[in-house]
């Protein structure tokens, strides 16, 4: 069962606000990650663009936008350009069911956990489609490698979520939050699983140290020693 706001314009405004804050928060979380990585590797990290490097994510975004778009000669141009938008779309719609408080949400879905697992698994089709549409066996093999990594860690994530479903007896994320608020955060009784879950989501989202592509190094110039 779905619970929508009465007015569609309210839903649209909430969706836009959520996406804007999501994009900005991801940008600054990436900056924090790079500063921590710099400290671990005994270097400064991004520290020039803006005060303490706070404008570095926006500089990287601008650099990524103005980069030359290279499309393989024999590629299916429509599918090749559609693939990244497809992956971005599936990464965004998963946030529609995330409760921000007990009274603040976009969609309250009774099978929210199942929906989240399904939507997150759909993101691999964009990666696979980009490799296939390039009409290059090397790009296709690389996309298969990324998909294999994503699928392998999706299995562990699903197995970790099963005990939570059994303990709460619900698939509704809002009910899950309320149960933990009334009883105990599942982080404490399931602490070993939370560590495995953290490692799995790093691999699933291709974050350090599970990088399966070079876009991070192409966009983030400080990793090449140009800023440090």
C-alpha atoms as a PDB file:
ATOM      1  CA  UNK A   1       0.000   0.000   0.000  1.00  0.00           C
ATOM      2  CA  UNK A   2       1.269   3.483  -0.931  1.00  0.00           C
ATOM      3  CA  UNK A   3       0.769   6.682   1.022  1.00  0.00           C
ATOM      4  CA  UNK A   4       1.218   9.764  -1.164  1.00  0.00           C
ATOM      5  CA  UNK A   5       0.904  13.425  -0.369  1.00  0.00           C
ATOM      6  CA  UNK A   6      -2.463  14.805  -1.509  1.00  0.00           C
ATOM      7  CA  UNK A   7      -1.070  17.444  -3.824  1.00  0.00           C
ATOM      8  CA  UNK A   8       1.282  16.350  -6.558  1.00  0.00           C
ATOM      9  CA  UNK A   9       3.158  19.642  -6.488  1.00  0.00           C
ATOM     10  CA  UNK A  10       4.078  19.016  -2.850  1.00  0.00           C
ATOM     11  CA  UNK A  11       5.473  15.617  -3.847  1.00  0.00           C
ATOM     12  CA  UNK A  12       7.409  17.214  -6.708  1.00  0.00           C
ATOM     13  CA  UNK A  13       8.893  19.916  -4.460  1.00  0.00           C
ATOM     14  CA  UNK A  14       9.882  17.356  -1.826  1.00  0.00           C
ATOM     15  CA  UNK A  15      11.509  15.202  -4.502  1.00  0.00           C
ATOM     16  CA  UNK A  16      13.521  18.126  -5.902  1.00  0.00           C
ATOM     17  CA  UNK A  17      14.626  19.227  -2.426  1.00  0.00           C
ATOM     18  CA  UNK A  18      15.669  15.661  -1.603  1.00  0.00           C
ATOM     19  CA  UNK A  19      17.689  15.320  -4.811  1.00  0.00           C
ATOM     20  CA  UNK A  20      19.422  18.688  -4.355  1.00  0.00           C
ATOM     21  CA  UNK A  21      20.461  17.953  -0.776  1.00  0.00           C
ATOM     22  CA  UNK A  22      21.428  14.397  -1.772  1.00  0.00           C
ATOM     23  CA  UNK A  23      23.770  15.584  -4.527  1.00  0.00           C
ATOM     24  CA  UNK A  24      25.354  18.250  -2.299  1.00  0.00           C
ATOM     25  CA  UNK A  25      25.794  15.846   0.629  1.00  0.00           C
ATOM     26  CA  UNK A  26      27.398  13.215  -1.609  1.00  0.00           C
ATOM     27  CA  UNK A  27      29.808  15.860  -2.933  1.00  0.00           C
ATOM     28  CA  UNK A  28      30.952  16.810   0.575  1.00  0.00           C
ATOM     29  CA  UNK A  29      31.082  13.201   1.783  1.00  0.00           C
ATOM     30  CA  UNK A  30      33.402  12.552  -1.158  1.00  0.00           C
ATOM     31  CA  UNK A  31      35.526  15.521  -0.081  1.00  0.00           C
ATOM     32  CA  UNK A  32      35.689  14.166   3.479  1.00  0.00           C
ATOM     33  CA  UNK A  33      36.659  10.745   2.130  1.00  0.00           C
ATOM     34  CA  UNK A  34      39.493  12.245   0.105  1.00  0.00           C
ATOM     35  CA  UNK A  35      40.773  14.248   3.065  1.00  0.00           C
ATOM     36  CA  UNK A  36      40.824  11.115   5.220  1.00  0.00           C
ATOM     37  CA  UNK A  37      42.571   9.176   2.443  1.00  0.00           C
ATOM     38  CA  UNK A  38      45.138  11.957   2.165  1.00  0.00           C
ATOM     39  CA  UNK A  39      45.790  11.809   5.909  1.00  0.00           C
ATOM     40  CA  UNK A  40      46.179   8.018   5.805  1.00  0.00           C
ATOM     41  CA  UNK A  41      48.585   8.250   2.858  1.00  0.00           C
ATOM     42  CA  UNK A  42      50.575  11.100   4.519  1.00  0.00           C
ATOM     43  CA  UNK A  43      49.576  13.822   2.050  1.00  0.00           C
ATOM     44  CA  UNK A  44      47.351  16.888   2.270  1.00  0.00           C
ATOM     45  CA  UNK A  45      44.535  15.968  -0.096  1.00  0.00           C
ATOM     46  CA  UNK A  46      42.352  18.678  -1.708  1.00  0.00           C
ATOM     47  CA  UNK A  47      43.186  21.936   0.123  1.00  0.00           C
ATOM     48  CA  UNK A  48      43.473  24.783  -2.432  1.00  0.00           C
ATOM     49  CA  UNK A  49      40.068  25.291  -4.096  1.00  0.00           C
ATOM     50  CA  UNK A  50      38.136  27.405  -1.607  1.00  0.00           C
ATOM     51  CA  UNK A  51      38.641  27.543   2.166  1.00  0.00           C
ATOM     52  CA  UNK A  52      40.287  24.236   3.184  1.00  0.00           C
ATOM     53  CA  UNK A  53      39.309  22.825  -0.219  1.00  0.00           C
ATOM     54  CA  UNK A  54      35.535  22.966   0.379  1.00  0.00           C
ATOM     55  CA  UNK A  55      34.934  24.052  -3.229  1.00  0.00           C
ATOM     56  CA  UNK A  56      36.868  21.104  -4.644  1.00  0.00           C
ATOM     57  CA  UNK A  57      33.721  18.959  -5.302  1.00  0.00           C
ATOM     58  CA  UNK A  58      32.209  21.766  -7.405  1.00  0.00           C
ATOM     59  CA  UNK A  59      35.489  22.204  -9.307  1.00  0.00           C
ATOM     60  CA  UNK A  60      35.573  18.462  -9.981  1.00  0.00           C
ATOM     61  CA  UNK A  61      31.949  18.517 -11.166  1.00  0.00           C
ATOM     62  CA  UNK A  62      32.722  21.399 -13.552  1.00  0.00           C
ATOM     63  CA  UNK A  63      35.815  19.603 -14.799  1.00  0.00           C
ATOM     64  CA  UNK A  64      33.772  16.441 -15.430  1.00  0.00           C
ATOM     65  CA  UNK A  65      31.067  18.373 -17.318  1.00  0.00           C
ATOM     66  CA  UNK A  66      33.476  20.149 -19.685  1.00  0.00           C
ATOM     67  CA  UNK A  67      35.456  17.007 -20.490  1.00  0.00           C
ATOM     68  CA  UNK A  68      35.349  15.888 -24.106  1.00  0.00           C
ATOM     69  CA  UNK A  69      32.634  13.309 -24.812  1.00  0.00           C
ATOM     70  CA  UNK A  70      34.238  10.409 -26.664  1.00  0.00           C
ATOM     71  CA  UNK A  71      31.892   7.926 -28.335  1.00  0.00           C
ATOM     72  CA  UNK A  72      33.390   4.819 -30.006  1.00  0.00           C
ATOM     73  CA  UNK A  73      33.017   4.816 -33.772  1.00  0.00           C
ATOM     74  CA  UNK A  74      30.938   1.615 -33.983  1.00  0.00           C
ATOM     75  CA  UNK A  75      28.948   2.208 -30.807  1.00  0.00           C
ATOM     76  CA  UNK A  76      25.172   2.372 -30.586  1.00  0.00           C
ATOM     77  CA  UNK A  77      25.071   6.064 -29.720  1.00  0.00           C
ATOM     78  CA  UNK A  78      21.548   6.102 -28.261  1.00  0.00           C
ATOM     79  CA  UNK A  79      22.116   3.200 -25.868  1.00  0.00           C
ATOM     80  CA  UNK A  80      25.663   4.361 -25.101  1.00  0.00           C
ATOM     81  CA  UNK A  81      24.384   7.766 -23.948  1.00  0.00           C
ATOM     82  CA  UNK A  82      21.309   6.270 -22.252  1.00  0.00           C
ATOM     83  CA  UNK A  83      23.315   3.934 -19.996  1.00  0.00           C
ATOM     84  CA  UNK A  84      24.706   6.531 -17.511  1.00  0.00           C
ATOM     85  CA  UNK A  85      21.304   8.211 -17.172  1.00  0.00           C
ATOM     86  CA  UNK A  86      19.744   4.812 -16.500  1.00  0.00           C
ATOM     87  CA  UNK A  87      22.209   4.103 -13.695  1.00  0.00           C
ATOM     88  CA  UNK A  88      21.716   7.602 -12.253  1.00  0.00           C
ATOM     89  CA  UNK A  89      17.930   7.199 -12.369  1.00  0.00           C
ATOM     90  CA  UNK A  90      17.945   3.940 -10.410  1.00  0.00           C
ATOM     91  CA  UNK A  91      20.365   5.396  -7.852  1.00  0.00           C
ATOM     92  CA  UNK A  92      17.967   8.291  -7.222  1.00  0.00           C
ATOM     93  CA  UNK A  93      14.583   6.535  -7.054  1.00  0.00           C
ATOM     94  CA  UNK A  94      15.767   4.372  -4.177  1.00  0.00           C
ATOM     95  CA  UNK A  95      15.721   7.468  -1.956  1.00  0.00           C
ATOM     96  CA  UNK A  96      11.968   7.874  -2.450  1.00  0.00           C
ATOM     97  CA  UNK A  97      11.194   5.467   0.398  1.00  0.00           C
ATOM     98  CA  UNK A  98      13.912   6.572   2.850  1.00  0.00           C
ATOM     99  CA  UNK A  99      12.199   8.081   5.953  1.00  0.00           C
ATOM    100  CA  UNK A 100      13.841  11.291   7.156  1.00  0.00           C
ATOM    101  CA  UNK A 101      11.752  11.305  10.331  1.00  0.00           C
ATOM    102  CA  UNK A 102       8.613   9.603  11.668  1.00  0.00           C
ATOM    103  CA  UNK A 103       6.467  12.146   9.807  1.00  0.00           C
ATOM    104  CA  UNK A 104       8.696  13.103   6.883  1.00  0.00           C
ATOM    105  CA  UNK A 105       8.871  10.818   3.851  1.00  0.00           C
ATOM    106  CA  UNK A 106       8.033  10.851   0.158  1.00  0.00           C
ATOM    107  CA  UNK A 107       6.558   7.343  -0.162  1.00  0.00           C
ATOM    108  CA  UNK A 108       5.794   4.936   2.676  1.00  0.00           C
ATOM    109  CA  UNK A 109       5.939   1.477   1.104  1.00  0.00           C
ATOM    110  CA  UNK A 110       5.056  -1.670   3.035  1.00  0.00           C
ATOM    111  CA  UNK A 111       7.667  -3.650   1.082  1.00  0.00           C
ATOM    112  CA  UNK A 112      10.266  -0.882   1.283  1.00  0.00           C
ATOM    113  CA  UNK A 113      13.273  -3.111   2.013  1.00  0.00           C
ATOM    114  CA  UNK A 114      12.404  -5.384  -0.908  1.00  0.00           C
ATOM    115  CA  UNK A 115      11.919  -2.341  -3.150  1.00  0.00           C
ATOM    116  CA  UNK A 116      15.305  -0.973  -2.111  1.00  0.00           C
ATOM    117  CA  UNK A 117      17.065  -4.255  -2.885  1.00  0.00           C
ATOM    118  CA  UNK A 118      15.399  -4.492  -6.306  1.00  0.00           C
ATOM    119  CA  UNK A 119      16.132  -0.894  -7.292  1.00  0.00           C
ATOM    120  CA  UNK A 120      19.772  -1.111  -6.185  1.00  0.00           C
ATOM    121  CA  UNK A 121      20.240  -4.272  -8.263  1.00  0.00           C
ATOM    122  CA  UNK A 122      18.828  -2.543 -11.366  1.00  0.00           C
ATOM    123  CA  UNK A 123      21.811  -0.184 -11.451  1.00  0.00           C
ATOM    124  CA  UNK A 124      24.017  -2.907 -12.949  1.00  0.00           C
ATOM    125  CA  UNK A 125      22.002  -2.818 -16.188  1.00  0.00           C
ATOM    126  CA  UNK A 126      23.333   0.650 -16.988  1.00  0.00           C
ATOM    127  CA  UNK A 127      26.913  -0.585 -16.575  1.00  0.00           C
ATOM    128  CA  UNK A 128      26.291  -3.677 -18.673  1.00  0.00           C
ATOM    129  CA  UNK A 129      24.426  -1.662 -21.322  1.00  0.00           C
ATOM    130  CA  UNK A 130      27.272   0.846 -21.666  1.00  0.00           C
ATOM    131  CA  UNK A 131      29.809  -1.928 -22.254  1.00  0.00           C
ATOM    132  CA  UNK A 132      27.605  -3.725 -24.761  1.00  0.00           C
ATOM    133  CA  UNK A 133      26.571  -0.527 -26.613  1.00  0.00           C
ATOM    134  CA  UNK A 134      30.219   0.510 -27.077  1.00  0.00           C
ATOM    135  CA  UNK A 135      30.619  -2.451 -29.464  1.00  0.00           C
ATOM    136  CA  UNK A 136      34.072  -3.081 -28.008  1.00  0.00           C
ATOM    137  CA  UNK A 137      34.989  -6.431 -26.511  1.00  0.00           C
ATOM    138  CA  UNK A 138      37.368  -4.814 -24.020  1.00  0.00           C
ATOM    139  CA  UNK A 139      34.741  -2.382 -22.713  1.00  0.00           C
ATOM    140  CA  UNK A 140      32.203  -5.200 -22.606  1.00  0.00           C
ATOM    141  CA  UNK A 141      34.550  -7.425 -20.584  1.00  0.00           C
ATOM    142  CA  UNK A 142      35.206  -4.525 -18.187  1.00  0.00           C
ATOM    143  CA  UNK A 143      31.468  -3.973 -17.718  1.00  0.00           C
ATOM    144  CA  UNK A 144      30.972  -7.702 -17.037  1.00  0.00           C
ATOM    145  CA  UNK A 145      33.700  -7.476 -14.376  1.00  0.00           C
ATOM    146  CA  UNK A 146      31.933  -4.544 -12.687  1.00  0.00           C
ATOM    147  CA  UNK A 147      28.581  -6.346 -12.813  1.00  0.00           C
ATOM    148  CA  UNK A 148      30.094  -9.535 -11.371  1.00  0.00           C
ATOM    149  CA  UNK A 149      31.542  -7.556  -8.452  1.00  0.00           C
ATOM    150  CA  UNK A 150      28.237  -5.768  -7.808  1.00  0.00           C
ATOM    151  CA  UNK A 151      26.180  -8.982  -7.918  1.00  0.00           C
ATOM    152  CA  UNK A 152      28.573 -10.852  -5.625  1.00  0.00           C
ATOM    153  CA  UNK A 153      28.275  -8.232  -2.900  1.00  0.00           C
ATOM    154  CA  UNK A 154      24.513  -7.869  -3.359  1.00  0.00           C
ATOM    155  CA  UNK A 155      24.232 -11.471  -2.173  1.00  0.00           C
ATOM    156  CA  UNK A 156      26.063 -10.695   1.075  1.00  0.00           C
ATOM    157  CA  UNK A 157      24.007  -7.522   1.610  1.00  0.00           C
ATOM    158  CA  UNK A 158      20.761  -9.451   1.181  1.00  0.00           C
ATOM    159  CA  UNK A 159      21.881 -12.177   3.608  1.00  0.00           C
ATOM    160  CA  UNK A 160      22.827  -9.514   6.174  1.00  0.00           C
ATOM    161  CA  UNK A 161      19.427  -7.824   5.877  1.00  0.00           C
ATOM    162  CA  UNK A 162      17.533 -11.103   6.437  1.00  0.00           C
ATOM    163  CA  UNK A 163      18.215 -11.239  10.225  1.00  0.00           C
ATOM    164  CA  UNK A 164      16.973  -7.641  10.506  1.00  0.00           C
ATOM    165  CA  UNK A 165      13.742  -8.589   8.747  1.00  0.00           C
ATOM    166  CA  UNK A 166      13.310 -11.590  11.050  1.00  0.00           C
ATOM    167  CA  UNK A 167      13.927  -9.487  14.178  1.00  0.00           C
ATOM    168  CA  UNK A 168      11.538  -6.705  13.156  1.00  0.00           C
ATOM    169  CA  UNK A 169       8.955  -8.841  11.284  1.00  0.00           C
ATOM    170  CA  UNK A 170       8.426  -6.066   8.748  1.00  0.00           C
ATOM    171  CA  UNK A 171       9.619  -4.854   5.353  1.00  0.00           C
ATOM    172  CA  UNK A 172       8.462  -1.287   6.007  1.00  0.00           C
ATOM    173  CA  UNK A 173      11.378   1.080   6.649  1.00  0.00           C
ATOM    174  CA  UNK A 174       9.248   3.414   8.768  1.00  0.00           C
ATOM    175  CA  UNK A 175       8.169   0.541  11.021  1.00  0.00           C
ATOM    176  CA  UNK A 176      11.787  -0.585  11.209  1.00  0.00           C
ATOM    177  CA  UNK A 177      12.837   2.844  12.481  1.00  0.00           C
ATOM    178  CA  UNK A 178      10.023   2.933  15.060  1.00  0.00           C
ATOM    179  CA  UNK A 179      10.877  -0.557  16.352  1.00  0.00           C
ATOM    180  CA  UNK A 180      14.521   0.399  16.870  1.00  0.00           C
ATOM    181  CA  UNK A 181      13.449   3.630  18.559  1.00  0.00           C
ATOM    182  CA  UNK A 182      11.222   1.708  21.000  1.00  0.00           C
ATOM    183  CA  UNK A 183      13.515  -1.263  21.709  1.00  0.00           C
ATOM    184  CA  UNK A 184      17.190  -1.068  20.684  1.00  0.00           C
ATOM    185  CA  UNK A 185      19.222  -0.120  17.650  1.00  0.00           C
ATOM    186  CA  UNK A 186      19.979  -3.297  15.721  1.00  0.00           C
ATOM    187  CA  UNK A 187      23.535  -1.986  15.280  1.00  0.00           C
ATOM    188  CA  UNK A 188      24.440  -3.188  18.782  1.00  0.00           C
ATOM    189  CA  UNK A 189      23.153  -6.800  18.834  1.00  0.00           C
ATOM    190  CA  UNK A 190      24.212  -7.255  15.191  1.00  0.00           C
ATOM    191  CA  UNK A 191      27.524  -5.410  15.386  1.00  0.00           C
ATOM    192  CA  UNK A 192      29.609  -8.096  13.570  1.00  0.00           C
ATOM    193  CA  UNK A 193      27.081  -8.078  10.721  1.00  0.00           C
ATOM    194  CA  UNK A 194      27.206  -4.276  10.588  1.00  0.00           C
ATOM    195  CA  UNK A 195      30.954  -4.414   9.899  1.00  0.00           C
ATOM    196  CA  UNK A 196      30.413  -6.905   7.062  1.00  0.00           C
ATOM    197  CA  UNK A 197      27.547  -4.743   5.771  1.00  0.00           C
ATOM    198  CA  UNK A 198      29.777  -1.644   5.740  1.00  0.00           C
ATOM    199  CA  UNK A 199      32.456  -3.474   3.748  1.00  0.00           C
ATOM    200  CA  UNK A 200      29.836  -4.846   1.346  1.00  0.00           C
ATOM    201  CA  UNK A 201      28.275  -1.459   0.607  1.00  0.00           C
ATOM    202  CA  UNK A 202      31.740  -0.001  -0.074  1.00  0.00           C
ATOM    203  CA  UNK A 203      32.292  -2.729  -2.659  1.00  0.00           C
ATOM    204  CA  UNK A 204      28.746  -2.398  -4.032  1.00  0.00           C
ATOM    205  CA  UNK A 205      29.160   1.342  -4.618  1.00  0.00           C
ATOM    206  CA  UNK A 206      32.752   1.002  -5.938  1.00  0.00           C
ATOM    207  CA  UNK A 207      34.298   3.136  -3.216  1.00  0.00           C
ATOM    208  CA  UNK A 208      37.867   2.903  -1.959  1.00  0.00           C
ATOM    209  CA  UNK A 209      39.470   0.353  -1.704  1.00  0.00           C
ATOM    210  CA  UNK A 210      37.113  -1.435  -4.111  1.00  0.00           C
ATOM    211  CA  UNK A 211      37.545   0.932  -7.072  1.00  0.00           C
ATOM    212  CA  UNK A 212      36.731  -0.873 -10.316  1.00  0.00           C
ATOM    213  CA  UNK A 213      37.181   2.129 -12.609  1.00  0.00           C
ATOM    214  CA  UNK A 214      39.511   5.095 -13.101  1.00  0.00           C
ATOM    215  CA  UNK A 215      37.014   7.992 -13.117  1.00  0.00           C
ATOM    216  CA  UNK A 216      38.059   8.907  -9.580  1.00  0.00           C
ATOM    217  CA  UNK A 217      41.650   9.396 -10.707  1.00  0.00           C
ATOM    218  CA  UNK A 218      40.648  11.210 -13.903  1.00  0.00           C
ATOM    219  CA  UNK A 219      38.416  13.732 -12.136  1.00  0.00           C
ATOM    220  CA  UNK A 220      40.163  14.114  -8.765  1.00  0.00           C
ATOM    221  CA  UNK A 221      43.414  15.800  -9.711  1.00  0.00           C
ATOM    222  CA  UNK A 222      44.816  15.886  -6.166  1.00  0.00           C
ATOM    223  CA  UNK A 223      45.279  12.096  -6.273  1.00  0.00           C
ATOM    224  CA  UNK A 224      47.864  12.628  -9.016  1.00  0.00           C
ATOM    225  CA  UNK A 225      49.927  14.889  -6.813  1.00  0.00           C
ATOM    226  CA  UNK A 226      48.963  18.082  -8.697  1.00  0.00           C
ATOM    227  CA  UNK A 227      47.639  19.814  -5.576  1.00  0.00           C
ATOM    228  CA  UNK A 228      49.530  18.207  -2.680  1.00  0.00           C
END
